[in-house]
Amino acid sequence: MFPKRFATTTEFQLEGIFQNFGFRGNKYLRFPARKKIPNLLQPYGEGGTWWEGDTKERGGARSRPSSPGRRFARGTRVVLGLMIAQTDTRIVGGYPCEKAQPWQAAIFDLNGLYCGGVLINKDWVMTAAHCRLTTNIRLGEYNLRQLDDSEQRRVAAKLIPHPSYNPATKDNDIMLIKLVTPVQLNNNVHPIALASNAAPPGSVCQVSGWGTTTSPQPASFPALLQCADLEIISAAECRREYSSLVTDNMLCAGVRQGGIDSCQGDSGGPLVCGGILQGIVSWGLEECAQPNKPGVYTKVSKYINWIQQTVRGG
């Protein structure tokens, strides 16, 4: 239940609201995957940089148990080394991705695979703000049980969650990770274009990750990167399912009949529409892939200015 401190009325209300909801968190099903997540109501700080430096400087984290799709007419522009898209307008039930996700990052804490992420330039990776125990990042990864020549391993130098991230409401669930050393860009490791406008409802997009391929428990985690094709769901339709939990900073994607969804272990990973990053895996029902219960993603187009300013500031 709640930690030993005085909980506010709002917190108790939120505990009821979020019952059966969870972050699409890490491989070991620690804090992101509990059916009740009152521990997530604790503030983790006031935003800004959570820690800076390598793991020794940090003192160590706590040891706790894209793609086919609708293509948009416009191209991309480059700002501060970021490809910003100009647009008009496993994942449960998925399949092994082709080796054509060069922006996909695998994020680790001290215990193992923790979250997914997305390379946005040679120095920066984007993920969900609730993936706060990040220590190491792999790019060019495909098979987690096999060392590939394409793989590049990096250490996180700095974690910068959005200053308005709210762990209770899950709003602004986005974080930038500065790498200690830049990656070498090639065919296997390459940044993705960021959406400057949201994809319209009905767009077919692709989500990818190494999260559980079965839901509910027992969880089954794949060795190979998994992909799934999802449809963007309108905000109005999504709010009919989740009420006011869905803010303007979120978007929903899924399959109405169910059976296909992102799930625990996919947090922070990319939702890509026509080669453009539209969303970051954030939250959903603990039992993934239910009919008319889409996954909820951080809407990347809402954060372009913050991303540019953060990257510029280093």
C-alpha atoms as a PDB file:
ATOM      1  CA  MET A   1       0.000   0.000   0.000  1.00  0.00           C
ATOM      2  CA  PHE A   2       1.078   3.598   0.490  1.00  0.00           C
ATOM      3  CA  PRO A   3       4.447   4.318   2.083  1.00  0.00           C
ATOM      4  CA  LYS A   4       4.440   5.411   5.700  1.00  0.00           C
ATOM      5  CA  ARG A   5       3.548   9.026   5.255  1.00  0.00           C
ATOM      6  CA  PHE A   6       0.311  10.991   5.218  1.00  0.00           C
ATOM      7  CA  ALA A   7      -1.472  10.296   1.933  1.00  0.00           C
ATOM      8  CA  THR A   8      -3.707  12.976   0.499  1.00  0.00           C
ATOM      9  CA  THR A   9      -7.314  12.464  -0.551  1.00  0.00           C
ATOM     10  CA  THR A  10      -6.175  12.832  -4.140  1.00  0.00           C
ATOM     11  CA  GLU A  11      -3.700   9.993  -3.727  1.00  0.00           C
ATOM     12  CA  PHE A  12      -6.362   7.623  -2.394  1.00  0.00           C
ATOM     13  CA  GLN A  13      -8.627   8.580  -5.273  1.00  0.00           C
ATOM     14  CA  LEU A  14      -5.812   7.929  -7.705  1.00  0.00           C
ATOM     15  CA  GLU A  15      -5.138   4.531  -6.165  1.00  0.00           C
ATOM     16  CA  GLY A  16      -8.662   3.500  -7.108  1.00  0.00           C
ATOM     17  CA  ILE A  17      -8.511   5.082 -10.537  1.00  0.00           C
ATOM     18  CA  PHE A  18      -5.251   3.378 -11.450  1.00  0.00           C
ATOM     19  CA  GLN A  19      -6.155  -0.067 -10.151  1.00  0.00           C
ATOM     20  CA  ASN A  20      -5.412  -2.542 -12.949  1.00  0.00           C
ATOM     21  CA  PHE A  21      -3.356   0.042 -14.820  1.00  0.00           C
ATOM     22  CA  GLY A  22       0.410  -0.099 -15.073  1.00  0.00           C
ATOM     23  CA  PHE A  23       3.440   1.227 -16.816  1.00  0.00           C
ATOM     24  CA  ARG A  24       4.656  -0.920 -19.679  1.00  0.00           C
ATOM     25  CA  GLY A  25       7.808  -1.481 -17.654  1.00  0.00           C
ATOM     26  CA  ASN A  26      10.753  -3.751 -17.339  1.00  0.00           C
ATOM     27  CA  LYS A  27      11.604  -7.360 -17.995  1.00  0.00           C
ATOM     28  CA  TYR A  28      11.607  -8.342 -14.349  1.00  0.00           C
ATOM     29  CA  LEU A  29       8.124  -6.947 -13.737  1.00  0.00           C
ATOM     30  CA  ARG A  30       9.217  -4.780 -10.836  1.00  0.00           C
ATOM     31  CA  PHE A  31       7.471  -1.487 -10.079  1.00  0.00           C
ATOM     32  CA  PRO A  32       5.940  -0.821 -13.502  1.00  0.00           C
ATOM     33  CA  ALA A  33       3.881  -3.994 -13.629  1.00  0.00           C
ATOM     34  CA  ARG A  34       2.028  -4.199 -10.333  1.00  0.00           C
ATOM     35  CA  LYS A  35      -1.756  -4.372 -10.518  1.00  0.00           C
ATOM     36  CA  LYS A  36      -1.931  -1.577  -7.976  1.00  0.00           C
ATOM     37  CA  ILE A  37       0.749   1.051  -8.236  1.00  0.00           C
ATOM     38  CA  PRO A  38       0.394   3.387  -5.241  1.00  0.00           C
ATOM     39  CA  ASN A  39       4.191   3.434  -5.022  1.00  0.00           C
ATOM     40  CA  LEU A  40       4.161   5.325  -8.312  1.00  0.00           C
ATOM     41  CA  LEU A  41       2.300   8.141  -6.592  1.00  0.00           C
ATOM     42  CA  GLN A  42       5.454   9.074  -4.731  1.00  0.00           C
ATOM     43  CA  PRO A  43       7.174  12.097  -6.233  1.00  0.00           C
ATOM     44  CA  TYR A  44      10.617  11.285  -7.603  1.00  0.00           C
ATOM     45  CA  GLY A  45      11.797  14.860  -7.589  1.00  0.00           C
ATOM     46  CA  GLU A  46      10.973  18.133  -9.222  1.00  0.00           C
ATOM     47  CA  GLY A  47      12.087  17.266 -12.727  1.00  0.00           C
ATOM     48  CA  GLY A  48      15.366  18.347 -14.242  1.00  0.00           C
ATOM     49  CA  THR A  49      18.403  16.085 -14.195  1.00  0.00           C
ATOM     50  CA  TRP A  50      17.959  13.069 -11.939  1.00  0.00           C
ATOM     51  CA  TRP A  51      21.589  12.095 -12.036  1.00  0.00           C
ATOM     52  CA  GLU A  52      24.678  12.848 -14.005  1.00  0.00           C
ATOM     53  CA  GLY A  53      27.850  10.875 -14.544  1.00  0.00           C
ATOM     54  CA  ASP A  54      28.601   7.175 -14.832  1.00  0.00           C
ATOM     55  CA  THR A  55      27.320   4.544 -12.423  1.00  0.00           C
ATOM     56  CA  LYS A  56      30.245   4.980 -10.052  1.00  0.00           C
ATOM     57  CA  GLU A  57      29.570   8.682  -9.730  1.00  0.00           C
ATOM     58  CA  ARG A  58      25.904   7.916  -9.294  1.00  0.00           C
ATOM     59  CA  GLY A  59      26.581   5.427  -6.537  1.00  0.00           C
ATOM     60  CA  GLY A  60      24.653   2.689  -8.296  1.00  0.00           C
ATOM     61  CA  ALA A  61      20.947   2.246  -8.870  1.00  0.00           C
ATOM     62  CA  ARG A  62      18.879   0.334  -6.372  1.00  0.00           C
ATOM     63  CA  SER A  63      18.983  -3.391  -7.085  1.00  0.00           C
ATOM     64  CA  ARG A  64      15.312  -4.234  -7.566  1.00  0.00           C
ATOM     65  CA  PRO A  65      13.601  -7.480  -8.412  1.00  0.00           C
ATOM     66  CA  SER A  66       8.784   0.397 -36.868  1.00  0.00           C
ATOM     67  CA  SER A  67       8.286   0.385 -40.456  1.00  0.00           C
ATOM     68  CA  PRO A  68       5.327  -0.353 -42.667  1.00  0.00           C
ATOM     69  CA  GLY A  69       2.602   2.191 -42.266  1.00  0.00           C
ATOM     70  CA  ARG A  70       0.882   5.174 -43.710  1.00  0.00           C
ATOM     71  CA  ARG A  71       3.429   7.551 -45.172  1.00  0.00           C
ATOM     72  CA  PHE A  72       3.014  11.276 -44.924  1.00  0.00           C
ATOM     73  CA  ALA A  73       3.490  13.596 -47.852  1.00  0.00           C
ATOM     74  CA  ARG A  74       6.118  15.872 -46.410  1.00  0.00           C
ATOM     75  CA  GLY A  75       9.765  15.214 -45.765  1.00  0.00           C
ATOM     76  CA  THR A  76      11.998  16.049 -42.830  1.00  0.00           C
ATOM     77  CA  ARG A  77      14.079  18.956 -41.705  1.00  0.00           C
ATOM     78  CA  VAL A  78      17.167  18.896 -39.524  1.00  0.00           C
ATOM     79  CA  VAL A  79      17.331  21.001 -36.378  1.00  0.00           C
ATOM     80  CA  LEU A  80      20.274  20.682 -33.997  1.00  0.00           C
ATOM     81  CA  GLY A  81      21.086  17.307 -35.469  1.00  0.00           C
ATOM     82  CA  LEU A  82      17.540  16.053 -34.873  1.00  0.00           C
ATOM     83  CA  MET A  83      15.445  14.964 -37.843  1.00  0.00           C
ATOM     84  CA  ILE A  84      12.092  16.654 -37.277  1.00  0.00           C
ATOM     85  CA  ALA A  85       9.309  15.282 -39.458  1.00  0.00           C
ATOM     86  CA  GLN A  86       6.944  17.715 -41.121  1.00  0.00           C
ATOM     87  CA  THR A  87       3.634  15.909 -41.386  1.00  0.00           C
ATOM     88  CA  ASP A  88       0.132  16.893 -42.388  1.00  0.00           C
ATOM     89  CA  THR A  89      -1.840  15.745 -40.407  1.00  0.00           C
ATOM     90  CA  ARG A  90       6.972  -8.213 -28.548  1.00  0.00           C
ATOM     91  CA  ILE A  91       4.802  -7.039 -28.021  1.00  0.00           C
ATOM     92  CA  VAL A  92       1.714  -9.242 -27.610  1.00  0.00           C
ATOM     93  CA  GLY A  93       0.454 -10.670 -30.915  1.00  0.00           C
ATOM     94  CA  GLY A  94       3.453  -9.389 -32.834  1.00  0.00           C
ATOM     95  CA  TYR A  95       6.197 -10.914 -34.956  1.00  0.00           C
ATOM     96  CA  PRO A  96      10.015 -10.793 -35.089  1.00  0.00           C
ATOM     97  CA  CYS A  97      11.053  -7.485 -36.633  1.00  0.00           C
ATOM     98  CA  GLU A  98      13.160  -7.340 -39.714  1.00  0.00           C
ATOM     99  CA  LYS A  99      16.613  -5.964 -38.973  1.00  0.00           C
ATOM    100  CA  ALA A 100      15.420  -2.543 -40.015  1.00  0.00           C
ATOM    101  CA  GLN A 101      14.865  -0.709 -36.731  1.00  0.00           C
ATOM    102  CA  PRO A 102      18.218   1.136 -36.473  1.00  0.00           C
ATOM    103  CA  TRP A 103      16.796   3.651 -33.985  1.00  0.00           C
ATOM    104  CA  GLN A 104      15.692   1.010 -31.458  1.00  0.00           C
ATOM    105  CA  ALA A 105      17.527   1.084 -28.132  1.00  0.00           C
ATOM    106  CA  ALA A 106      17.603  -1.580 -25.424  1.00  0.00           C
ATOM    107  CA  ILE A 107      17.876   0.031 -21.992  1.00  0.00           C
ATOM    108  CA  PHE A 108      19.294  -1.788 -18.970  1.00  0.00           C
ATOM    109  CA  ASP A 109      19.403  -1.240 -15.234  1.00  0.00           C
ATOM    110  CA  LEU A 110      21.747  -3.134 -12.916  1.00  0.00           C
ATOM    111  CA  ASN A 111      19.587  -6.272 -13.130  1.00  0.00           C
ATOM    112  CA  GLY A 112      19.098  -6.587 -16.871  1.00  0.00           C
ATOM    113  CA  LEU A 113      16.785  -5.421 -19.620  1.00  0.00           C
ATOM    114  CA  TYR A 114      14.615  -2.613 -18.259  1.00  0.00           C
ATOM    115  CA  CYS A 115      12.955  -0.563 -21.022  1.00  0.00           C
ATOM    116  CA  GLY A 116      13.084   0.337 -24.686  1.00  0.00           C
ATOM    117  CA  GLY A 117      14.278   3.607 -26.139  1.00  0.00           C
ATOM    118  CA  VAL A 118      14.814   5.516 -29.367  1.00  0.00           C
ATOM    119  CA  LEU A 119      17.968   7.070 -30.809  1.00  0.00           C
ATOM    120  CA  ILE A 120      17.300  10.698 -31.820  1.00  0.00           C
ATOM    121  CA  ASN A 121      20.878  11.683 -32.648  1.00  0.00           C
ATOM    122  CA  LYS A 122      24.367  10.318 -32.050  1.00  0.00           C
ATOM    123  CA  ASP A 123      24.475  11.645 -28.477  1.00  0.00           C
ATOM    124  CA  TRP A 124      20.894  11.271 -27.249  1.00  0.00           C
ATOM    125  CA  VAL A 125      18.331   8.537 -26.642  1.00  0.00           C
ATOM    126  CA  MET A 126      14.663   9.160 -25.812  1.00  0.00           C
ATOM    127  CA  THR A 127      12.591   6.948 -23.512  1.00  0.00           C
ATOM    128  CA  ALA A 128       9.767   7.124 -20.957  1.00  0.00           C
ATOM    129  CA  ALA A 129      10.348   9.184 -17.807  1.00  0.00           C
ATOM    130  CA  HIS A 130       9.330   6.265 -15.603  1.00  0.00           C
ATOM    131  CA  CYS A 131      12.374   4.310 -16.896  1.00  0.00           C
ATOM    132  CA  ARG A 132      14.360   6.167 -14.263  1.00  0.00           C
ATOM    133  CA  LEU A 133      16.793   3.387 -13.255  1.00  0.00           C
ATOM    134  CA  THR A 134      18.613   3.426 -16.593  1.00  0.00           C
ATOM    135  CA  THR A 135      22.360   2.751 -16.494  1.00  0.00           C
ATOM    136  CA  ASN A 136      23.383   1.304 -19.869  1.00  0.00           C
ATOM    137  CA  ILE A 137      22.062   1.453 -23.420  1.00  0.00           C
ATOM    138  CA  ARG A 138      22.579  -0.812 -26.412  1.00  0.00           C
ATOM    139  CA  LEU A 139      22.064   0.295 -30.001  1.00  0.00           C
ATOM    140  CA  GLY A 140      22.122  -1.987 -33.015  1.00  0.00           C
ATOM    141  CA  GLU A 141      20.679  -4.743 -30.812  1.00  0.00           C
ATOM    142  CA  TYR A 142      18.422  -7.438 -32.255  1.00  0.00           C
ATOM    143  CA  ASN A 143      18.956 -10.770 -30.495  1.00  0.00           C
ATOM    144  CA  LEU A 144      19.417 -10.267 -26.756  1.00  0.00           C
ATOM    145  CA  ARG A 145      20.993 -13.702 -26.383  1.00  0.00           C
ATOM    146  CA  GLN A 146      23.589 -13.224 -29.067  1.00  0.00           C
ATOM    147  CA  LEU A 147      26.419 -10.723 -29.427  1.00  0.00           C
ATOM    148  CA  ASP A 148      26.200  -9.114 -32.860  1.00  0.00           C
ATOM    149  CA  ASP A 149      28.868  -7.119 -34.670  1.00  0.00           C
ATOM    150  CA  SER A 150      26.251  -4.401 -35.162  1.00  0.00           C
ATOM    151  CA  GLU A 151      25.823  -3.846 -31.423  1.00  0.00           C
ATOM    152  CA  GLN A 152      27.091  -0.666 -29.750  1.00  0.00           C
ATOM    153  CA  ARG A 153      27.046  -0.368 -25.958  1.00  0.00           C
ATOM    154  CA  ARG A 154      26.986   2.965 -24.186  1.00  0.00           C
ATOM    155  CA  VAL A 155      26.728   4.311 -20.636  1.00  0.00           C
ATOM    156  CA  ALA A 156      24.190   6.949 -19.648  1.00  0.00           C
ATOM    157  CA  ALA A 157      25.860  10.216 -18.672  1.00  0.00           C
ATOM    158  CA  LYS A 158      22.712  12.124 -17.780  1.00  0.00           C
ATOM    159  CA  LEU A 159      18.992  11.407 -17.374  1.00  0.00           C
ATOM    160  CA  ILE A 160      16.698  14.363 -18.045  1.00  0.00           C
ATOM    161  CA  PRO A 161      12.991  13.699 -17.443  1.00  0.00           C
ATOM    162  CA  HIS A 162      10.489  16.264 -18.623  1.00  0.00           C
ATOM    163  CA  PRO A 163      10.217  18.936 -15.892  1.00  0.00           C
ATOM    164  CA  SER A 164       6.426  18.471 -15.769  1.00  0.00           C
ATOM    165  CA  TYR A 165       6.475  14.682 -15.584  1.00  0.00           C
ATOM    166  CA  ASN A 166       3.796  13.504 -13.165  1.00  0.00           C
ATOM    167  CA  PRO A 167       4.239   9.910 -11.958  1.00  0.00           C
ATOM    168  CA  ALA A 168       0.705   9.891 -10.533  1.00  0.00           C
ATOM    169  CA  THR A 169      -1.138  10.831 -13.716  1.00  0.00           C
ATOM    170  CA  LYS A 170       1.602   9.572 -16.080  1.00  0.00           C
ATOM    171  CA  ASP A 171       1.431  12.874 -17.946  1.00  0.00           C
ATOM    172  CA  ASN A 172       4.598  14.070 -19.750  1.00  0.00           C
ATOM    173  CA  ASP A 173       6.107  10.579 -19.536  1.00  0.00           C
ATOM    174  CA  ILE A 174       9.195  11.347 -21.589  1.00  0.00           C
ATOM    175  CA  MET A 175      12.915  11.477 -20.789  1.00  0.00           C
ATOM    176  CA  LEU A 176      16.134  12.216 -22.652  1.00  0.00           C
ATOM    177  CA  ILE A 177      19.341  10.298 -21.989  1.00  0.00           C
ATOM    178  CA  LYS A 178      22.706  11.853 -22.816  1.00  0.00           C
ATOM    179  CA  LEU A 179      25.304   9.237 -23.706  1.00  0.00           C
ATOM    180  CA  VAL A 180      28.828   9.386 -22.292  1.00  0.00           C
ATOM    181  CA  THR A 181      30.223   8.816 -25.783  1.00  0.00           C
ATOM    182  CA  PRO A 182      28.363   9.221 -29.096  1.00  0.00           C
ATOM    183  CA  VAL A 183      27.383   6.215 -31.172  1.00  0.00           C
ATOM    184  CA  GLN A 184      28.836   5.588 -34.609  1.00  0.00           C
ATOM    185  CA  LEU A 185      26.062   6.038 -37.152  1.00  0.00           C
ATOM    186  CA  ASN A 186      25.712   3.350 -39.818  1.00  0.00           C
ATOM    187  CA  ASN A 187      23.043   1.150 -41.408  1.00  0.00           C
ATOM    188  CA  ASN A 188      22.407  -0.625 -38.100  1.00  0.00           C
ATOM    189  CA  VAL A 189      22.470   2.411 -35.802  1.00  0.00           C
ATOM    190  CA  HIS A 190      20.684   5.496 -37.030  1.00  0.00           C
ATOM    191  CA  PRO A 191      18.373   8.145 -35.523  1.00  0.00           C
ATOM    192  CA  ILE A 192      14.719   8.464 -36.408  1.00  0.00           C
ATOM    193  CA  ALA A 193      12.736  11.484 -37.573  1.00  0.00           C
ATOM    194  CA  LEU A 194      10.533  13.063 -34.905  1.00  0.00           C
ATOM    195  CA  ALA A 195       6.922  13.984 -35.609  1.00  0.00           C
ATOM    196  CA  SER A 196       6.144  17.696 -35.630  1.00  0.00           C
ATOM    197  CA  ASN A 197       2.417  16.938 -36.013  1.00  0.00           C
ATOM    198  CA  ALA A 198       0.389  14.051 -34.680  1.00  0.00           C
ATOM    199  CA  ALA A 199      -0.598  11.223 -37.009  1.00  0.00           C
ATOM    200  CA  PRO A 200      -4.336  11.253 -37.797  1.00  0.00           C
ATOM    201  CA  PRO A 201      -6.651   8.538 -36.453  1.00  0.00           C
ATOM    202  CA  GLY A 202      -6.611   5.476 -38.653  1.00  0.00           C
ATOM    203  CA  SER A 203      -2.890   5.728 -39.431  1.00  0.00           C
ATOM    204  CA  VAL A 204      -1.207   2.322 -39.340  1.00  0.00           C
ATOM    205  CA  CYS A 205       1.925   2.365 -37.183  1.00  0.00           C
ATOM    206  CA  GLN A 206       4.445  -0.067 -35.779  1.00  0.00           C
ATOM    207  CA  VAL A 207       5.549  -0.565 -32.173  1.00  0.00           C
ATOM    208  CA  SER A 208       8.654  -2.554 -31.261  1.00  0.00           C
ATOM    209  CA  GLY A 209      10.342  -3.951 -28.170  1.00  0.00           C
ATOM    210  CA  TRP A 210      11.526  -6.952 -26.184  1.00  0.00           C
ATOM    211  CA  GLY A 211       8.585  -6.919 -23.772  1.00  0.00           C
ATOM    212  CA  THR A 212       6.469  -9.895 -22.822  1.00  0.00           C
ATOM    213  CA  THR A 213       4.711 -11.687 -25.675  1.00  0.00           C
ATOM    214  CA  THR A 214       2.069 -13.156 -23.362  1.00  0.00           C
ATOM    215  CA  SER A 215      -0.442 -11.435 -21.086  1.00  0.00           C
ATOM    216  CA  PRO A 216      -1.595 -11.898 -18.391  1.00  0.00           C
ATOM    217  CA  GLN A 217       1.014 -13.834 -16.429  1.00  0.00           C
ATOM    218  CA  PRO A 218       3.101 -15.881 -16.808  1.00  0.00           C
ATOM    219  CA  ALA A 219       5.216 -13.518 -18.852  1.00  0.00           C
ATOM    220  CA  SER A 220       7.311 -14.802 -21.746  1.00  0.00           C
ATOM    221  CA  PHE A 221      10.166 -12.653 -23.020  1.00  0.00           C
ATOM    222  CA  PRO A 222      11.599 -13.034 -26.526  1.00  0.00           C
ATOM    223  CA  ALA A 223      15.229 -13.016 -27.575  1.00  0.00           C
ATOM    224  CA  LEU A 224      14.462 -11.279 -30.879  1.00  0.00           C
ATOM    225  CA  LEU A 225      13.111  -7.748 -31.196  1.00  0.00           C
ATOM    226  CA  GLN A 226       9.349  -7.945 -31.746  1.00  0.00           C
ATOM    227  CA  CYS A 227       7.130  -5.682 -33.866  1.00  0.00           C
ATOM    228  CA  ALA A 228       3.374  -5.202 -34.101  1.00  0.00           C
ATOM    229  CA  ASP A 229       1.155  -3.144 -36.389  1.00  0.00           C
ATOM    230  CA  LEU A 230      -1.352  -0.892 -34.614  1.00  0.00           C
ATOM    231  CA  GLU A 231      -3.876   1.747 -35.618  1.00  0.00           C
ATOM    232  CA  ILE A 232      -3.953   5.260 -34.178  1.00  0.00           C
ATOM    233  CA  ILE A 233      -7.171   5.620 -32.168  1.00  0.00           C
ATOM    234  CA  SER A 234      -8.857   9.014 -31.891  1.00  0.00           C
ATOM    235  CA  ALA A 235      -8.596  10.884 -28.592  1.00  0.00           C
ATOM    236  CA  ALA A 236     -12.378  10.878 -28.232  1.00  0.00           C
ATOM    237  CA  GLU A 237     -12.593   7.109 -28.626  1.00  0.00           C
ATOM    238  CA  CYS A 238      -9.676   6.558 -26.268  1.00  0.00           C
ATOM    239  CA  ARG A 239     -11.234   8.772 -23.592  1.00  0.00           C
ATOM    240  CA  ARG A 240     -14.424   6.737 -23.777  1.00  0.00           C
ATOM    241  CA  GLU A 241     -12.335   3.827 -22.509  1.00  0.00           C
ATOM    242  CA  TYR A 242      -9.977   5.615 -20.103  1.00  0.00           C
ATOM    243  CA  SER A 243     -11.865   8.815 -19.249  1.00  0.00           C
ATOM    244  CA  SER A 244      -9.780  11.795 -18.166  1.00  0.00           C
ATOM    245  CA  LEU A 245      -6.659   9.655 -17.667  1.00  0.00           C
ATOM    246  CA  VAL A 246      -5.809  10.393 -21.313  1.00  0.00           C
ATOM    247  CA  THR A 247      -4.444  13.934 -21.663  1.00  0.00           C
ATOM    248  CA  ASP A 248      -3.640  15.997 -24.741  1.00  0.00           C
ATOM    249  CA  ASN A 249      -0.008  14.896 -24.320  1.00  0.00           C
ATOM    250  CA  MET A 250      -0.906  11.259 -24.982  1.00  0.00           C
ATOM    251  CA  LEU A 251      -2.046   9.254 -27.982  1.00  0.00           C
ATOM    252  CA  CYS A 252      -3.623   5.828 -28.208  1.00  0.00           C
ATOM    253  CA  ALA A 253      -2.914   2.968 -30.579  1.00  0.00           C
ATOM    254  CA  GLY A 254      -4.219  -0.556 -30.760  1.00  0.00           C
ATOM    255  CA  VAL A 255      -6.412  -3.100 -32.491  1.00  0.00           C
ATOM    256  CA  ARG A 256     -10.104  -2.844 -31.632  1.00  0.00           C
ATOM    257  CA  GLN A 257     -10.673  -6.589 -31.573  1.00  0.00           C
ATOM    258  CA  GLY A 258      -7.707  -7.021 -29.230  1.00  0.00           C
ATOM    259  CA  GLY A 259      -4.919  -9.569 -29.383  1.00  0.00           C
ATOM    260  CA  ILE A 260      -2.135  -7.143 -30.375  1.00  0.00           C
ATOM    261  CA  ASP A 261      -0.526  -4.571 -28.079  1.00  0.00           C
ATOM    262  CA  SER A 262       2.636  -3.309 -26.457  1.00  0.00           C
ATOM    263  CA  CYS A 263       3.061  -4.750 -22.964  1.00  0.00           C
ATOM    264  CA  GLN A 264       5.290  -4.967 -19.874  1.00  0.00           C
ATOM    265  CA  GLY A 265       8.925  -4.534 -20.881  1.00  0.00           C
ATOM    266  CA  ASP A 266       8.169  -2.307 -23.878  1.00  0.00           C
ATOM    267  CA  SER A 267       8.098   1.020 -21.986  1.00  0.00           C
ATOM    268  CA  GLY A 268      10.003   3.818 -23.661  1.00  0.00           C
ATOM    269  CA  GLY A 269      10.053   2.079 -27.021  1.00  0.00           C
ATOM    270  CA  PRO A 270       8.993   3.613 -30.345  1.00  0.00           C
ATOM    271  CA  LEU A 271       5.627   3.893 -32.050  1.00  0.00           C
ATOM    272  CA  VAL A 272       6.574   4.650 -35.655  1.00  0.00           C
ATOM    273  CA  CYS A 273       4.230   5.760 -38.434  1.00  0.00           C
ATOM    274  CA  GLY A 274       5.710   5.808 -41.931  1.00  0.00           C
ATOM    275  CA  GLY A 275       9.274   6.017 -40.628  1.00  0.00           C
ATOM    276  CA  ILE A 276       8.440   8.887 -38.246  1.00  0.00           C
ATOM    277  CA  LEU A 277       8.429   8.647 -34.443  1.00  0.00           C
ATOM    278  CA  GLN A 278       4.943   9.492 -33.189  1.00  0.00           C
ATOM    279  CA  GLY A 279       4.840   7.913 -29.746  1.00  0.00           C
ATOM    280  CA  ILE A 280       6.745   6.480 -26.798  1.00  0.00           C
ATOM    281  CA  VAL A 281       5.284   3.424 -25.042  1.00  0.00           C
ATOM    282  CA  SER A 282       3.906   4.656 -21.712  1.00  0.00           C
ATOM    283  CA  TRP A 283       1.023   2.807 -20.045  1.00  0.00           C
ATOM    284  CA  GLY A 284      -2.029   0.617 -20.417  1.00  0.00           C
ATOM    285  CA  LEU A 285      -4.025  -2.083 -18.696  1.00  0.00           C
ATOM    286  CA  GLU A 286      -1.915  -4.635 -16.879  1.00  0.00           C
ATOM    287  CA  GLU A 287      -3.580  -7.345 -18.950  1.00  0.00           C
ATOM    288  CA  CYS A 288      -2.462  -6.191 -22.364  1.00  0.00           C
ATOM    289  CA  ALA A 289      -4.191  -6.569 -25.744  1.00  0.00           C
ATOM    290  CA  GLN A 290      -7.784  -6.500 -24.506  1.00  0.00           C
ATOM    291  CA  PRO A 291     -10.523  -5.546 -26.998  1.00  0.00           C
ATOM    292  CA  ASN A 292     -11.207  -1.804 -27.168  1.00  0.00           C
ATOM    293  CA  LYS A 293      -8.427  -1.107 -24.652  1.00  0.00           C
ATOM    294  CA  PRO A 294      -5.585   0.476 -26.656  1.00  0.00           C
ATOM    295  CA  GLY A 295      -2.115   1.155 -25.366  1.00  0.00           C
ATOM    296  CA  VAL A 296      -1.326   4.731 -24.370  1.00  0.00           C
ATOM    297  CA  TYR A 297       1.760   6.513 -25.701  1.00  0.00           C
ATOM    298  CA  THR A 298       3.495   9.815 -25.027  1.00  0.00           C
ATOM    299  CA  LYS A 299       2.749  12.090 -28.002  1.00  0.00           C
ATOM    300  CA  VAL A 300       6.177  13.082 -29.349  1.00  0.00           C
ATOM    301  CA  SER A 301       4.963  16.062 -31.397  1.00  0.00           C
ATOM    302  CA  LYS A 302       4.026  17.864 -28.163  1.00  0.00           C
ATOM    303  CA  TYR A 303       7.654  17.926 -27.018  1.00  0.00           C
ATOM    304  CA  ILE A 304       9.670  19.094 -30.016  1.00  0.00           C
ATOM    305  CA  ASN A 305      10.583  22.456 -28.464  1.00  0.00           C
ATOM    306  CA  TRP A 306      11.621  20.864 -25.171  1.00  0.00           C
ATOM    307  CA  ILE A 307      13.699  18.245 -26.992  1.00  0.00           C
ATOM    308  CA  GLN A 308      15.479  20.882 -29.067  1.00  0.00           C
ATOM    309  CA  GLN A 309      16.181  23.092 -26.050  1.00  0.00           C
ATOM    310  CA  THR A 310      17.458  20.173 -23.985  1.00  0.00           C
ATOM    311  CA  VAL A 311      19.759  18.904 -26.713  1.00  0.00           C
ATOM    312  CA  ARG A 312      21.032  22.422 -27.342  1.00  0.00           C
ATOM    313  CA  GLY A 313      21.846  22.814 -23.641  1.00  0.00           C
ATOM    314  CA  GLY A 314      23.727  19.521 -23.621  1.00  0.00           C
END
